[in-house]
Amino acid sequence: MKRGKKLIILLLVLVLAIAAALIVQAIVTKNEEAATEAEDTSVTFLTIDPDAITALSWTYNDETANLAYASGVWTDADDAAFPVAQTYPDAMATALEAVTATRSFDAEDLSEYGLDAPAYTVTVTTDAETTLTIGSASEISGEYYTSIGDGKVYLVDSALLDPFTYGLSDILQMETVPDMSALTGIDITTGTGEANLLYLENSDYSYSDQYHWFLLQNGAYKALGSAADTFADSLTGLSWISCESYNATDEELAAYGLDAPNATLILSYTEAADADSDAEAAEATFVLEIGGFTDGGYYARIQGSRMVYLIDASLAQSILGVSYDTLQPTDVCLLDWDTVTSFDVTLDDATYTFAKNTRDITDADGNVTQETYYTMNGAEVDADRVTAIYDSIYGMSSNGTTDQAPGAVEIAFAFHRSTAAFTDIDLVFYRSNSTSCIVGFDGETGLTVARSDVVDLIETVNAILLDQTSTTEAEAE
């Protein structure tokens, strides 16, 4: 056969196919338009009492789920251990309580409406069994063709599909992580030891009331910095990424690394008080075990549970690596300067004593107010310059840590306070290298600060010394 004849035959086949499609669409359109022209086209074609349902199954994405309903509880008919999130089948049952079509018409060939191979199939059992099939969408209205096997085709709003767009894994009920916003303690046990953190306000364990988290170490509480607040916040925000197993066997737990966890985390918290109850808020604990690492995160479970989850990898690693070094304060000195009555400064082998004093000031109207002033070795000095010393120290932050032995002393402070505890605080800056100095605070070293910050502090003190020298020389003249 010549090429020209072949092309003609192919064109004829194409024309016939297009004509057939147009005829089918014309039939569908005619049926819909005919239904539309009727006086009242809407009809409630399916009514099911949710309380009468004993079973419900649906097919979504080629997966069929089968649920049973008894005593107000939905269960997986194929696996009683599967935890069903009750809100999903409840929504499905509610959607079937009264299903209304905007139009209906008789149809002999259901394939024209996608009902021979439906996208959704829902079977509900009461004292009888009803199957609802949902086919393709109408090109005219966007509604979906639906059938219940009575020979009619119904057009329903797409909202009917929404409750059924879930597979079985989507309706799994994960365990609830409690509200732990009022966290009071964090206890972590790993293969390398234990870390015990305690939240305290206005405690006697620190010289500053700005520290709230403390690490119990060798029988003593060590104040922790803002990193501890960030760490605690990350724990109270704990959530599951996914559920890897809802009923893990002992062998599966071992495969997840949960037979001998890498870490056990005990979170102590105060439960939120019920606004409608006079009962006081109760103390509670939440215990989490962390297993092995996988690409999506770390395996974890609530202690004693058979449900295994994935949690965020960075969160798990922060738990596994917690230590004083990761949580220690980066502030050099957060003294409440209102409690400082005097302080000694040692610079270039000489020591200078600064004292805070008050005096009465009487204005022209006879009103008396108190004024704070400072002296150095008994002589009054510029109060603003002394305040600049405070501000410089208070604003310092560490730029790292070191285990290097301290070098020579650059400048040293001894603060004396009107407090019951921590009445004397020592702050020393040691030489380290050209860019950093080592901080010694209350006898402990480890933090470093920028050398430029220490140089600025020394210059602030030297400015006071220079002022005092100039004043002394002027008085002598």
Protein backbone atom coordinates (compact mmCIF):
# COMPACT_ATOMS: atom_id res chain seq x y z
CA MET A 1 0.00 0.00 0.00
CA LYS A 2 1.29 3.40 -0.92
CA ARG A 3 2.18 5.93 1.72
CA GLY A 4 -0.61 8.27 0.63
CA LYS A 5 -3.29 5.65 1.19
CA LYS A 6 -1.87 4.84 4.63
CA LEU A 7 -2.08 8.48 5.62
CA ILE A 8 -5.68 8.70 4.43
CA ILE A 9 -6.67 5.63 6.48
CA LEU A 10 -4.96 7.01 9.58
CA LEU A 11 -6.74 10.32 9.14
CA LEU A 12 -10.08 8.53 8.84
CA VAL A 13 -9.40 6.58 12.05
CA LEU A 14 -8.53 9.80 13.85
CA VAL A 15 -11.68 11.52 12.60
CA LEU A 16 -13.83 8.59 13.74
CA ALA A 17 -12.19 8.63 17.21
CA ILE A 18 -12.81 12.35 17.61
CA ALA A 19 -16.39 11.92 16.45
CA ALA A 20 -16.95 9.14 18.98
CA ALA A 21 -15.56 11.29 21.80
CA LEU A 22 -17.77 14.17 20.76
CA ILE A 23 -20.84 11.91 20.70
CA VAL A 24 -20.05 10.63 24.22
CA GLN A 25 -19.52 14.15 25.50
CA ALA A 26 -22.72 15.27 23.81
CA ILE A 27 -24.64 12.50 25.56
CA VAL A 28 -23.15 13.44 28.92
CA THR A 29 -23.79 17.12 28.34
CA LYS A 30 -27.34 16.44 27.17
CA ASN A 31 -28.06 14.40 30.31
CA GLU A 32 -26.66 17.12 32.55
CA GLU A 33 -28.42 19.92 30.70
CA ALA A 34 -31.68 18.02 30.76
CA ALA A 35 -31.33 17.55 34.50
CA THR A 36 -30.49 21.22 34.92
CA GLU A 37 -33.64 22.32 33.08
CA ALA A 38 -35.85 20.41 35.54
CA GLU A 39 -37.63 22.42 38.20
CA ASP A 40 -35.78 20.85 41.16
CA THR A 41 -32.67 18.89 40.29
CA SER A 42 -31.18 18.49 43.80
CA VAL A 43 -31.81 15.22 45.59
CA THR A 44 -30.57 13.63 48.82
CA PHE A 45 -29.92 10.15 47.52
CA LEU A 46 -28.10 8.60 50.49
CA THR A 47 -28.85 8.91 54.22
CA ILE A 48 -27.03 6.83 56.81
CA ASP A 49 -27.30 7.11 60.57
CA PRO A 50 -23.68 7.30 61.85
CA ASP A 51 -24.64 5.46 65.03
CA ALA A 52 -26.02 2.58 62.99
CA ILE A 53 -22.76 1.93 61.17
CA THR A 54 -20.97 -1.29 62.08
CA ALA A 55 -18.30 -1.28 59.37
CA LEU A 56 -16.75 1.14 56.92
CA SER A 57 -14.26 0.55 54.15
CA TRP A 58 -12.89 2.79 51.43
CA THR A 59 -10.33 2.62 48.66
CA TYR A 60 -7.88 5.45 48.12
CA ASN A 61 -4.80 5.32 45.89
CA ASP A 62 -5.39 1.59 45.31
CA GLU A 63 -5.28 0.92 49.07
CA THR A 64 -8.36 -0.41 50.86
CA ALA A 65 -8.92 0.26 54.55
CA ASN A 66 -11.45 -1.72 56.57
CA LEU A 67 -12.75 -0.36 59.87
CA ALA A 68 -15.18 -1.79 62.39
CA TYR A 69 -17.33 0.31 64.72
CA ALA A 70 -18.60 -0.82 68.11
CA SER A 71 -19.31 0.87 71.43
CA GLY A 72 -18.41 4.24 69.93
CA VAL A 73 -14.91 3.19 68.91
CA TRP A 74 -13.40 2.64 65.46
CA THR A 75 -10.89 -0.20 65.06
CA ASP A 76 -8.96 -1.69 62.19
CA ALA A 77 -10.93 -4.78 61.18
CA ASP A 78 -7.75 -6.41 59.85
CA ASP A 79 -5.42 -5.53 62.75
CA ALA A 80 -6.84 -4.82 66.19
CA ALA A 81 -3.45 -3.48 67.36
CA PHE A 82 -3.54 -0.63 64.83
CA PRO A 83 -4.33 2.64 66.67
CA VAL A 84 -7.04 4.46 64.70
CA ALA A 85 -7.31 8.23 64.99
CA GLN A 86 -11.03 8.49 65.68
CA THR A 87 -11.62 11.89 64.10
CA TYR A 88 -11.05 10.59 60.55
CA PRO A 89 -13.72 7.85 60.42
CA ASP A 90 -16.04 10.11 62.43
CA ALA A 91 -15.75 12.69 59.64
CA MET A 92 -16.41 10.00 57.05
CA ALA A 93 -19.55 8.83 58.84
CA THR A 94 -20.77 12.42 59.14
CA ALA A 95 -20.22 12.95 55.41
CA LEU A 96 -22.48 9.95 54.67
CA GLU A 97 -25.26 11.08 56.99
CA ALA A 98 -26.96 12.97 54.15
CA VAL A 99 -25.40 12.94 50.69
CA THR A 100 -27.05 15.40 48.32
CA ALA A 101 -26.62 15.61 44.55
CA THR A 102 -27.19 18.79 42.59
CA ARG A 103 -28.41 16.75 39.59
CA SER A 104 -29.20 13.14 38.75
CA PHE A 105 -29.98 11.27 35.56
CA ASP A 106 -30.37 7.75 34.23
CA ALA A 107 -27.31 6.21 32.62
CA GLU A 108 -26.75 2.85 30.99
CA ASP A 109 -22.99 3.06 30.35
CA LEU A 110 -21.23 3.97 33.58
CA SER A 111 -17.85 4.01 31.85
CA GLU A 112 -18.81 7.35 30.33
CA TYR A 113 -18.59 8.83 33.84
CA GLY A 114 -15.50 7.01 35.14
CA LEU A 115 -17.69 4.78 37.30
CA ASP A 116 -16.54 1.49 35.79
CA ALA A 117 -13.12 2.06 37.42
CA PRO A 118 -13.93 4.60 40.16
CA ALA A 119 -11.30 6.78 41.81
CA TYR A 120 -13.00 6.20 45.18
CA THR A 121 -15.13 3.37 46.49
CA VAL A 122 -16.81 3.60 49.88
CA THR A 123 -18.70 0.70 51.43
CA VAL A 124 -20.71 1.27 54.59
CA THR A 125 -22.46 -1.43 56.59
CA THR A 126 -25.48 -0.92 58.83
CA ASP A 127 -28.27 -3.50 58.74
CA ALA A 128 -27.49 -3.55 55.03
CA GLU A 129 -24.48 -2.81 52.88
CA THR A 130 -24.25 0.26 50.66
CA THR A 131 -21.48 0.97 48.17
CA LEU A 132 -20.79 4.47 46.97
CA THR A 133 -18.59 4.83 43.89
CA ILE A 134 -17.12 8.14 42.80
CA GLY A 135 -15.90 8.53 39.24
CA SER A 136 -14.54 11.38 37.16
CA ALA A 137 -15.25 15.07 37.41
CA SER A 138 -17.69 16.89 35.16
CA GLU A 139 -15.98 19.21 32.68
CA ILE A 140 -18.93 21.56 32.99
CA SER A 141 -19.39 21.98 36.74
CA GLY A 142 -16.34 20.32 38.28
CA GLU A 143 -18.63 18.12 40.35
CA TYR A 144 -18.07 14.37 40.57
CA TYR A 145 -20.16 11.59 39.05
CA THR A 146 -21.36 9.23 41.76
CA SER A 147 -23.36 6.02 41.88
CA ILE A 148 -24.91 3.81 44.55
CA GLY A 149 -25.90 1.09 42.08
CA ASP A 150 -29.50 2.15 41.52
CA GLY A 151 -29.06 2.86 37.80
CA LYS A 152 -28.71 6.59 38.25
CA VAL A 153 -25.72 8.90 38.12
CA TYR A 154 -25.50 11.69 40.67
CA LEU A 155 -23.40 14.83 40.55
CA VAL A 156 -21.98 15.74 43.97
CA ASP A 157 -19.75 18.50 45.25
CA SER A 158 -16.05 17.65 45.43
CA ALA A 159 -16.17 18.27 49.18
CA LEU A 160 -17.67 14.79 49.58
CA LEU A 161 -14.28 13.34 48.66
CA ASP A 162 -12.29 15.20 51.29
CA PRO A 163 -12.90 12.85 54.27
CA PHE A 164 -11.87 9.83 52.18
CA THR A 165 -8.52 11.13 50.83
CA TYR A 166 -6.52 9.16 53.38
CA GLY A 167 -4.80 5.82 53.46
CA LEU A 168 -4.64 3.68 56.56
CA SER A 169 -1.23 5.06 57.53
CA ASP A 170 -2.65 8.58 57.40
CA ILE A 171 -5.21 7.84 60.12
CA LEU A 172 -2.80 6.22 62.55
CA GLN A 173 -3.15 7.77 66.01
CA MET A 174 0.29 8.68 67.34
CA GLU A 175 0.86 9.02 71.07
CA THR A 176 0.49 12.50 72.48
CA VAL A 177 3.48 14.51 73.63
CA PRO A 178 2.25 16.43 76.70
CA ASP A 179 2.40 20.19 77.16
CA MET A 180 5.72 20.60 78.96
CA SER A 181 6.03 24.36 78.67
CA ALA A 182 6.47 24.56 82.47
CA LEU A 183 9.61 22.42 82.48
CA THR A 184 11.27 22.00 85.89
CA GLY A 185 13.92 19.34 85.33
CA ILE A 186 15.88 17.52 82.63
CA ASP A 187 17.67 14.26 83.42
CA ILE A 188 19.68 12.62 80.66
CA THR A 189 21.42 9.24 80.86
CA THR A 190 23.75 8.21 78.05
CA GLY A 191 26.52 5.69 77.66
CA THR A 192 29.01 8.26 78.92
CA GLY A 193 27.18 9.30 82.09
CA GLU A 194 24.35 11.41 83.45
CA ALA A 195 23.39 15.07 83.24
CA ASN A 196 20.90 16.48 85.73
CA LEU A 197 19.47 19.93 84.98
CA LEU A 198 17.16 21.84 87.32
CA TYR A 199 15.11 24.96 86.72
CA LEU A 200 15.17 27.37 89.68
CA GLU A 201 14.25 31.01 90.08
CA ASN A 202 15.90 33.28 92.65
CA SER A 203 18.08 30.45 93.92
CA ASP A 204 21.14 30.69 96.13
CA TYR A 205 23.20 28.67 93.64
CA SER A 206 24.36 31.68 91.63
CA TYR A 207 25.58 35.20 92.18
CA SER A 208 23.00 36.42 89.59
CA ASP A 209 19.24 35.93 89.54
CA GLN A 210 19.38 35.98 85.74
CA TYR A 211 20.41 32.32 85.69
CA HIS A 212 17.54 29.84 85.92
CA TRP A 213 18.95 26.51 84.73
CA PHE A 214 21.55 24.69 86.80
CA LEU A 215 23.60 21.54 86.26
CA LEU A 216 24.11 19.27 89.25
CA GLN A 217 27.75 18.24 89.09
CA ASN A 218 29.74 16.59 91.89
CA GLY A 219 27.10 17.60 94.42
CA ALA A 220 27.13 21.28 93.41
CA TYR A 221 24.84 23.29 91.15
CA LYS A 222 26.53 25.18 88.31
CA ALA A 223 24.68 27.98 86.58
CA LEU A 224 23.95 27.49 82.88
CA GLY A 225 23.60 30.17 80.25
CA SER A 226 21.08 31.06 77.57
CA ALA A 227 22.03 27.88 75.67
CA ALA A 228 20.21 25.94 78.41
CA ASP A 229 17.04 27.98 77.83
CA THR A 230 17.29 27.25 74.10
CA PHE A 231 17.89 23.56 74.82
CA ALA A 232 14.87 23.38 77.16
CA ASP A 233 12.67 25.13 74.58
CA SER A 234 13.68 22.57 71.95
CA LEU A 235 12.66 19.75 74.29
CA THR A 236 9.25 21.24 75.06
CA GLY A 237 8.73 21.52 71.29
CA LEU A 238 9.37 17.79 70.78
CA SER A 239 7.22 16.26 68.03
CA TRP A 240 7.17 13.05 65.99
CA ILE A 241 8.32 13.20 62.38
CA SER A 242 6.66 9.87 61.61
CA CYS A 243 5.64 6.59 63.17
CA GLU A 244 7.92 3.77 62.06
CA SER A 245 6.10 0.98 63.89
CA TYR A 246 2.91 0.96 65.92
CA ASN A 247 3.48 -2.43 67.55
CA ALA A 248 7.18 -3.25 67.41
CA THR A 249 8.37 -6.68 68.49
CA ASP A 250 11.40 -7.18 70.73
CA GLU A 251 13.44 -7.99 67.65
CA GLU A 252 12.26 -4.81 65.92
CA LEU A 253 13.04 -2.72 69.00
CA ALA A 254 16.57 -4.11 68.93
CA ALA A 255 16.86 -3.21 65.24
CA TYR A 256 15.82 0.36 66.07
CA GLY A 257 18.46 0.52 68.82
CA LEU A 258 15.80 0.76 71.52
CA ASP A 259 16.59 -2.44 73.41
CA ALA A 260 19.59 -0.58 74.88
CA PRO A 261 18.88 3.13 74.14
CA ASN A 262 21.63 5.60 73.35
CA ALA A 263 19.92 8.02 75.72
CA THR A 264 17.08 8.08 78.22
CA LEU A 265 15.53 11.51 78.72
CA ILE A 266 13.35 12.26 81.75
CA LEU A 267 11.51 15.57 81.54
CA SER A 268 9.86 16.85 84.72
CA TYR A 269 7.19 19.50 84.31
CA THR A 270 4.22 21.14 85.96
CA GLU A 271 0.95 20.27 84.29
CA ALA A 272 -1.21 23.19 83.24
CA ALA A 273 -3.91 23.83 85.83
CA ASP A 274 -7.51 23.35 84.75
CA ALA A 275 -9.15 26.77 84.63
CA ASP A 276 -12.46 25.21 85.69
CA SER A 277 -11.00 23.35 88.64
CA ASP A 278 -9.71 24.42 92.04
CA ALA A 279 -7.11 21.65 92.00
CA GLU A 280 -3.49 22.72 92.05
CA ALA A 281 -1.25 22.00 89.09
CA ALA A 282 0.37 18.59 89.44
CA GLU A 283 3.96 17.54 88.83
CA ALA A 284 4.49 14.99 86.06
CA THR A 285 7.26 13.31 84.08
CA PHE A 286 7.72 12.29 80.45
CA VAL A 287 10.32 9.64 79.65
CA LEU A 288 11.76 9.32 76.14
CA GLU A 289 14.24 6.74 74.90
CA ILE A 290 16.46 7.51 71.89
CA GLY A 291 17.77 4.69 69.72
CA GLY A 292 19.79 4.56 66.54
CA PHE A 293 20.28 7.00 63.70
CA THR A 294 18.71 6.71 60.28
CA ASP A 295 18.58 9.03 57.29
CA GLY A 296 15.34 10.65 58.45
CA GLY A 297 16.36 11.23 62.07
CA TYR A 298 16.71 9.16 65.24
CA TYR A 299 14.44 6.34 66.37
CA ALA A 300 12.68 7.09 69.66
CA ARG A 301 9.83 5.85 71.81
CA ILE A 302 8.02 6.73 75.01
CA GLN A 303 9.48 4.41 77.62
CA GLY A 304 7.51 1.17 77.76
CA SER A 305 5.64 1.80 74.52
CA ARG A 306 5.70 -0.43 71.44
CA MET A 307 5.26 2.53 69.12
CA VAL A 308 8.49 3.69 67.47
CA TYR A 309 8.90 7.16 65.95
CA LEU A 310 11.46 9.29 64.19
CA ILE A 311 12.53 12.53 65.88
CA ASP A 312 14.63 15.39 64.57
CA ALA A 313 18.31 14.42 64.24
CA SER A 314 19.69 17.75 65.49
CA LEU A 315 17.48 17.57 68.61
CA ALA A 316 18.59 14.01 69.34
CA GLN A 317 22.25 14.95 68.88
CA SER A 318 21.90 17.89 71.27
CA ILE A 319 20.47 15.48 73.86
CA LEU A 320 23.21 12.92 73.31
CA GLY A 321 25.95 15.58 73.51
CA VAL A 322 24.68 17.65 76.43
CA SER A 323 27.34 18.78 78.90
CA TYR A 324 28.39 21.79 80.90
CA ASP A 325 30.62 22.85 78.03
CA THR A 326 27.64 22.99 75.63
CA LEU A 327 25.39 24.87 78.07
CA GLN A 328 27.70 27.04 80.16
CA PRO A 329 27.14 30.80 80.28
CA THR A 330 28.84 32.92 77.65
CA ASP A 331 28.36 36.06 79.77
CA VAL A 332 31.55 37.13 81.46
CA CYS A 333 29.90 38.73 84.49
CA LEU A 334 26.22 39.47 85.12
CA LEU A 335 26.59 41.15 88.50
CA ASP A 336 23.66 43.19 89.73
CA TRP A 337 25.59 46.43 90.16
CA ASP A 338 23.07 47.72 92.70
CA THR A 339 24.47 45.10 95.10
CA VAL A 340 28.11 46.20 94.64
CA THR A 341 29.28 48.45 97.47
CA SER A 342 32.94 48.62 96.45
CA PHE A 343 35.49 46.94 94.23
CA ASP A 344 39.27 46.71 93.92
CA VAL A 345 41.11 47.00 90.62
CA THR A 346 44.63 45.64 90.20
CA LEU A 347 46.45 47.01 87.17
CA ASP A 348 50.22 47.06 86.54
CA ASP A 349 50.92 45.68 90.04
CA ALA A 350 49.00 48.53 91.72
CA THR A 351 45.60 48.14 93.42
CA TYR A 352 42.93 50.84 93.54
CA THR A 353 39.81 50.69 95.71
CA PHE A 354 36.59 52.15 94.38
CA ALA A 355 33.70 52.73 96.77
CA LYS A 356 30.08 53.64 96.14
CA ASN A 357 28.69 56.36 98.39
CA THR A 358 25.54 58.44 98.71
CA ARG A 359 24.96 62.00 99.86
CA ASP A 360 21.99 64.26 100.33
CA ILE A 361 21.41 67.00 97.77
CA THR A 362 19.10 69.89 98.70
CA ASP A 363 17.62 71.97 95.90
CA ALA A 364 16.57 75.64 96.01
CA ASP A 365 13.10 74.64 97.32
CA GLY A 366 14.53 72.65 100.16
CA ASN A 367 13.76 69.23 98.62
CA VAL A 368 16.29 66.58 99.56
CA THR A 369 17.34 63.78 97.20
CA GLN A 370 20.11 61.23 97.39
CA GLU A 371 22.97 61.21 94.93
CA THR A 372 25.34 58.31 94.27
CA TYR A 373 29.00 59.15 93.87
CA TYR A 374 32.22 57.15 93.73
CA THR A 375 35.62 57.49 95.29
CA MET A 376 38.93 55.90 94.40
CA ASN A 377 41.31 55.48 97.31
CA GLY A 378 39.16 58.01 99.16
CA ALA A 379 39.08 60.72 96.49
CA GLU A 380 35.96 61.37 94.44
CA VAL A 381 36.11 60.35 90.77
CA ASP A 382 33.90 60.82 87.72
CA ALA A 383 30.78 58.67 88.27
CA ASP A 384 30.19 58.25 84.54
CA ARG A 385 33.64 56.73 84.09
CA VAL A 386 33.02 54.25 86.91
CA THR A 387 29.67 53.34 85.36
CA ALA A 388 31.53 52.79 82.07
CA ILE A 389 33.61 50.11 83.84
CA TYR A 390 30.41 48.36 84.93
CA ASP A 391 28.90 48.60 81.47
CA SER A 392 32.03 47.30 79.78
CA ILE A 393 32.19 44.22 82.00
CA TYR A 394 28.44 43.56 81.89
CA GLY A 395 28.37 43.70 78.10
CA MET A 396 31.25 41.28 77.57
CA SER A 397 30.53 37.88 75.99
CA SER A 398 32.83 34.95 75.56
CA ASN A 399 34.28 34.22 72.13
CA GLY A 400 35.23 30.64 72.96
CA THR A 401 36.65 28.20 75.49
CA THR A 402 40.12 26.93 76.24
CA ASP A 403 41.97 24.48 78.47
CA GLN A 404 45.15 26.53 78.14
CA ALA A 405 46.84 27.57 81.37
CA PRO A 406 46.36 31.29 82.09
CA GLY A 407 49.24 33.63 81.41
CA ALA A 408 50.11 36.86 83.20
CA VAL A 409 47.33 38.96 84.72
CA GLU A 410 46.23 41.82 82.48
CA ILE A 411 43.73 43.34 84.92
CA ALA A 412 41.89 41.99 87.99
CA PHE A 413 38.73 42.97 89.90
CA ALA A 414 37.46 42.04 93.34
CA PHE A 415 33.80 42.99 93.82
CA HIS A 416 32.30 43.36 97.31
CA ARG A 417 28.53 43.10 97.63
CA SER A 418 25.72 43.72 100.11
CA THR A 419 24.29 40.20 99.68
CA ALA A 420 23.91 37.20 101.95
CA ALA A 421 25.67 34.90 99.47
CA PHE A 422 28.45 35.48 96.94
CA THR A 423 29.49 38.59 98.85
CA ASP A 424 32.92 38.65 97.19
CA ILE A 425 33.41 37.96 93.49
CA ASP A 426 36.78 37.86 91.74
CA LEU A 427 37.11 38.62 88.02
CA VAL A 428 40.54 38.28 86.39
CA PHE A 429 41.61 38.64 82.77
CA TYR A 430 44.74 36.66 81.89
CA ARG A 431 47.02 36.97 78.89
CA SER A 432 46.46 34.25 76.28
CA ASN A 433 47.48 35.38 72.78
CA SER A 434 47.29 38.41 70.51
CA THR A 435 43.53 38.07 69.96
CA SER A 436 42.12 36.58 73.18
CA CYS A 437 42.33 36.73 76.95
CA ILE A 438 41.37 34.00 79.39
CA VAL A 439 38.65 34.82 81.92
CA GLY A 440 38.97 33.80 85.53
CA PHE A 441 35.66 34.13 87.37
CA ASP A 442 35.29 33.23 91.02
CA GLY A 443 38.27 30.91 90.78
CA GLU A 444 37.31 29.12 87.56
CA THR A 445 38.82 29.51 84.10
CA GLY A 446 37.84 28.20 80.69
CA LEU A 447 36.16 31.03 78.83
CA THR A 448 37.99 33.41 76.54
CA VAL A 449 37.12 36.95 75.45
CA ALA A 450 38.36 39.18 72.69
CA ARG A 451 41.59 40.90 73.71
CA SER A 452 40.25 44.15 72.23
CA ASP A 453 37.43 44.10 74.84
CA VAL A 454 39.98 43.79 77.64
CA VAL A 455 42.11 46.57 76.15
CA ASP A 456 39.04 48.84 76.08
CA LEU A 457 38.35 47.99 79.73
CA ILE A 458 41.93 48.81 80.71
CA GLU A 459 41.74 52.11 78.87
CA THR A 460 38.53 52.98 80.76
CA VAL A 461 40.31 52.40 84.08
CA ASN A 462 43.39 54.29 82.91
CA ALA A 463 41.22 57.26 82.00
CA ILE A 464 40.08 57.46 85.64
CA LEU A 465 43.67 57.17 86.86
CA LEU A 466 44.75 59.91 84.46
CA ASP A 467 41.93 62.18 85.64
CA GLN A 468 42.93 61.59 89.23
CA THR A 469 46.58 62.33 88.49
CA SER A 470 45.67 65.55 86.73
CA THR A 471 43.44 66.62 89.62
CA THR A 472 46.17 65.88 92.18
CA GLU A 473 48.73 67.84 90.23
CA ALA A 474 46.34 70.78 89.85
CA GLU A 475 45.65 70.80 93.58
CA ALA A 476 49.38 70.73 94.30
CA GLU A 477 49.94 73.82 92.18
